[in-house]
């Protein structure tokens, strides 16, 4: 029960720390790529796509299905990296408490151990 009392006593400070960490997530940017770098997606820590780069050679080839697959793959790779980076960033604020499912936009949860996990 002592931990709960500490949590309640420090709620304002924790809320402020989470707000600062969430704001910082907007500054965090990671890249995911596919097709040997032919498609590169950049995602921020808020799970928003910041940019998408497509090698002009892919456009010239005219293979829409391949391009679609490469874009999806690059975006998914960047999203996974962004979730991991955001989880690491927020872990210090959470103080070891598990981050609840659905905390991250897009329904993702950070990788790593959860309650009772290893």
C-alpha atoms as a PDB file:
ATOM      1  CA  UNK A   1       0.000   0.000   0.000  1.00  0.00           C
ATOM      2  CA  UNK A   2       3.003   2.291   0.551  1.00  0.00           C
ATOM      3  CA  UNK A   3       3.731   2.396  -3.175  1.00  0.00           C
ATOM      4  CA  UNK A   4       0.182   3.516  -3.909  1.00  0.00           C
ATOM      5  CA  UNK A   5       0.440   6.273  -1.302  1.00  0.00           C
ATOM      6  CA  UNK A   6       3.727   7.431  -2.847  1.00  0.00           C
ATOM      7  CA  UNK A   7       2.144   7.388  -6.281  1.00  0.00           C
ATOM      8  CA  UNK A   8      -0.793   9.491  -5.116  1.00  0.00           C
ATOM      9  CA  UNK A   9       1.494  11.917  -3.289  1.00  0.00           C
ATOM     10  CA  UNK A  10       3.633  12.394  -6.394  1.00  0.00           C
ATOM     11  CA  UNK A  11       0.784  12.422  -8.947  1.00  0.00           C
ATOM     12  CA  UNK A  12       1.307  16.068  -9.949  1.00  0.00           C
ATOM     13  CA  UNK A  13       5.024  15.583 -10.479  1.00  0.00           C
ATOM     14  CA  UNK A  14       4.425  12.375 -12.425  1.00  0.00           C
ATOM     15  CA  UNK A  15       1.799  14.084 -14.609  1.00  0.00           C
ATOM     16  CA  UNK A  16       4.267  16.893 -15.370  1.00  0.00           C
ATOM     17  CA  UNK A  17       7.028  14.404 -16.196  1.00  0.00           C
ATOM     18  CA  UNK A  18       4.731  12.474 -18.536  1.00  0.00           C
ATOM     19  CA  UNK A  19       3.675  15.711 -20.270  1.00  0.00           C
ATOM     20  CA  UNK A  20       7.324  16.661 -20.835  1.00  0.00           C
ATOM     21  CA  UNK A  21       8.185  13.177 -22.081  1.00  0.00           C
ATOM     22  CA  UNK A  22       5.204  13.180 -24.451  1.00  0.00           C
ATOM     23  CA  UNK A  23       6.242  16.557 -25.825  1.00  0.00           C
ATOM     24  CA  UNK A  24       9.770  15.262 -26.343  1.00  0.00           C
ATOM     25  CA  UNK A  25       8.389  12.326 -28.326  1.00  0.00           C
ATOM     26  CA  UNK A  26       7.431  14.783 -31.064  1.00  0.00           C
ATOM     27  CA  UNK A  27      11.124  15.598 -31.440  1.00  0.00           C
ATOM     28  CA  UNK A  28      12.173  11.944 -31.666  1.00  0.00           C
ATOM     29  CA  UNK A  29      12.487  10.731 -35.262  1.00  0.00           C
ATOM     30  CA  UNK A  30      13.368   7.295 -36.587  1.00  0.00           C
ATOM     31  CA  UNK A  31      13.632   5.845 -40.083  1.00  0.00           C
ATOM     32  CA  UNK A  32      12.510   2.606 -41.606  1.00  0.00           C
ATOM     33  CA  UNK A  33      13.451   1.525 -45.088  1.00  0.00           C
ATOM     34  CA  UNK A  34      12.795  -1.226 -47.587  1.00  0.00           C
ATOM     35  CA  UNK A  35      13.966  -2.305 -50.987  1.00  0.00           C
ATOM     36  CA  UNK A  36      17.597  -1.719 -50.048  1.00  0.00           C
ATOM     37  CA  UNK A  37      16.834   1.901 -49.166  1.00  0.00           C
ATOM     38  CA  UNK A  38      14.667   2.565 -52.221  1.00  0.00           C
ATOM     39  CA  UNK A  39      11.820   3.609 -49.890  1.00  0.00           C
ATOM     40  CA  UNK A  40      12.443   5.387 -46.597  1.00  0.00           C
ATOM     41  CA  UNK A  41       9.796   6.451 -44.086  1.00  0.00           C
ATOM     42  CA  UNK A  42      10.506   8.778 -41.173  1.00  0.00           C
ATOM     43  CA  UNK A  43       8.213   8.552 -38.108  1.00  0.00           C
ATOM     44  CA  UNK A  44       8.260  10.642 -34.932  1.00  0.00           C
ATOM     45  CA  UNK A  45       7.714   9.427 -31.379  1.00  0.00           C
ATOM     46  CA  UNK A  46       4.027  10.348 -31.576  1.00  0.00           C
ATOM     47  CA  UNK A  47       3.618   7.754 -34.341  1.00  0.00           C
ATOM     48  CA  UNK A  48       3.147  10.434 -37.008  1.00  0.00           C
ATOM     49  CA  UNK A  49       4.811  10.018 -40.389  1.00  0.00           C
ATOM     50  CA  UNK A  50       7.125  12.973 -40.954  1.00  0.00           C
ATOM     51  CA  UNK A  51       8.397  12.105 -44.417  1.00  0.00           C
ATOM     52  CA  UNK A  52       8.438   9.448 -47.094  1.00  0.00           C
ATOM     53  CA  UNK A  53      11.165   9.196 -49.711  1.00  0.00           C
ATOM     54  CA  UNK A  54      10.802   7.049 -52.828  1.00  0.00           C
ATOM     55  CA  UNK A  55      13.670   6.499 -55.232  1.00  0.00           C
ATOM     56  CA  UNK A  56      12.571   7.966 -58.609  1.00  0.00           C
ATOM     57  CA  UNK A  57      13.729   4.754 -60.325  1.00  0.00           C
ATOM     58  CA  UNK A  58      10.847   2.912 -58.649  1.00  0.00           C
ATOM     59  CA  UNK A  59       8.381   5.358 -60.128  1.00  0.00           C
ATOM     60  CA  UNK A  60       9.919   4.952 -63.582  1.00  0.00           C
ATOM     61  CA  UNK A  61       9.527   1.163 -63.374  1.00  0.00           C
ATOM     62  CA  UNK A  62       5.754   1.565 -63.099  1.00  0.00           C
ATOM     63  CA  UNK A  63       5.317  -1.461 -60.823  1.00  0.00           C
ATOM     64  CA  UNK A  64       2.608  -0.074 -58.530  1.00  0.00           C
ATOM     65  CA  UNK A  65       2.204  -3.307 -56.546  1.00  0.00           C
ATOM     66  CA  UNK A  66       5.921  -3.465 -55.720  1.00  0.00           C
ATOM     67  CA  UNK A  67       5.938   0.214 -54.743  1.00  0.00           C
ATOM     68  CA  UNK A  68       2.912  -0.267 -52.488  1.00  0.00           C
ATOM     69  CA  UNK A  69       4.561  -3.236 -50.753  1.00  0.00           C
ATOM     70  CA  UNK A  70       7.805  -1.322 -50.237  1.00  0.00           C
ATOM     71  CA  UNK A  71       5.991   1.701 -48.779  1.00  0.00           C
ATOM     72  CA  UNK A  72       4.020  -0.456 -46.351  1.00  0.00           C
ATOM     73  CA  UNK A  73       7.176  -2.300 -45.324  1.00  0.00           C
ATOM     74  CA  UNK A  74       9.171   0.907 -44.759  1.00  0.00           C
ATOM     75  CA  UNK A  75       6.374   2.539 -42.753  1.00  0.00           C
ATOM     76  CA  UNK A  76       5.895  -0.566 -40.600  1.00  0.00           C
ATOM     77  CA  UNK A  77       9.640  -0.773 -39.916  1.00  0.00           C
ATOM     78  CA  UNK A  78       9.730   2.890 -38.889  1.00  0.00           C
ATOM     79  CA  UNK A  79       6.643   2.492 -36.681  1.00  0.00           C
ATOM     80  CA  UNK A  80       8.226  -0.452 -34.864  1.00  0.00           C
ATOM     81  CA  UNK A  81      11.396   1.552 -34.247  1.00  0.00           C
ATOM     82  CA  UNK A  82       9.359   4.554 -33.069  1.00  0.00           C
ATOM     83  CA  UNK A  83       7.355   2.417 -30.615  1.00  0.00           C
ATOM     84  CA  UNK A  84      10.554   0.933 -29.194  1.00  0.00           C
ATOM     85  CA  UNK A  85      12.231   4.332 -28.901  1.00  0.00           C
ATOM     86  CA  UNK A  86       9.121   5.870 -27.306  1.00  0.00           C
ATOM     87  CA  UNK A  87       8.867   3.006 -24.824  1.00  0.00           C
ATOM     88  CA  UNK A  88      12.500   3.473 -23.822  1.00  0.00           C
ATOM     89  CA  UNK A  89      11.974   7.214 -23.485  1.00  0.00           C
ATOM     90  CA  UNK A  90       8.892   6.809 -21.305  1.00  0.00           C
ATOM     91  CA  UNK A  91      10.304   3.928 -19.231  1.00  0.00           C
ATOM     92  CA  UNK A  92      12.271   6.319 -17.053  1.00  0.00           C
ATOM     93  CA  UNK A  93       9.128   8.369 -16.393  1.00  0.00           C
ATOM     94  CA  UNK A  94       7.051   5.260 -15.660  1.00  0.00           C
ATOM     95  CA  UNK A  95       9.538   4.204 -13.002  1.00  0.00           C
ATOM     96  CA  UNK A  96       9.288   0.543 -13.944  1.00  0.00           C
ATOM     97  CA  UNK A  97       5.489   0.484 -14.037  1.00  0.00           C
ATOM     98  CA  UNK A  98       4.112  -1.418 -17.034  1.00  0.00           C
ATOM     99  CA  UNK A  99       2.892   0.814 -19.851  1.00  0.00           C
ATOM    100  CA  UNK A 100      -0.738  -0.119 -20.558  1.00  0.00           C
ATOM    101  CA  UNK A 101      -1.862  -1.626 -23.870  1.00  0.00           C
ATOM    102  CA  UNK A 102      -3.141   1.034 -26.233  1.00  0.00           C
ATOM    103  CA  UNK A 103      -0.937   3.733 -24.668  1.00  0.00           C
ATOM    104  CA  UNK A 104       0.774   4.305 -27.999  1.00  0.00           C
ATOM    105  CA  UNK A 105      -1.244   5.554 -30.972  1.00  0.00           C
ATOM    106  CA  UNK A 106      -1.898   2.813 -33.479  1.00  0.00           C
ATOM    107  CA  UNK A 107      -2.663   0.286 -30.761  1.00  0.00           C
ATOM    108  CA  UNK A 108       0.923  -0.730 -30.256  1.00  0.00           C
ATOM    109  CA  UNK A 109       2.521  -1.718 -27.032  1.00  0.00           C
ATOM    110  CA  UNK A 110       6.202  -1.570 -26.383  1.00  0.00           C
ATOM    111  CA  UNK A 111       8.210  -4.719 -26.664  1.00  0.00           C
ATOM    112  CA  UNK A 112       9.800  -6.182 -23.604  1.00  0.00           C
ATOM    113  CA  UNK A 113       8.553  -7.741 -20.419  1.00  0.00           C
ATOM    114  CA  UNK A 114       5.179  -6.826 -19.054  1.00  0.00           C
ATOM    115  CA  UNK A 115       3.542  -7.793 -15.823  1.00  0.00           C
ATOM    116  CA  UNK A 116       4.807 -11.218 -14.883  1.00  0.00           C
ATOM    117  CA  UNK A 117       6.925 -11.369 -18.044  1.00  0.00           C
ATOM    118  CA  UNK A 118      10.606 -11.965 -18.295  1.00  0.00           C
END
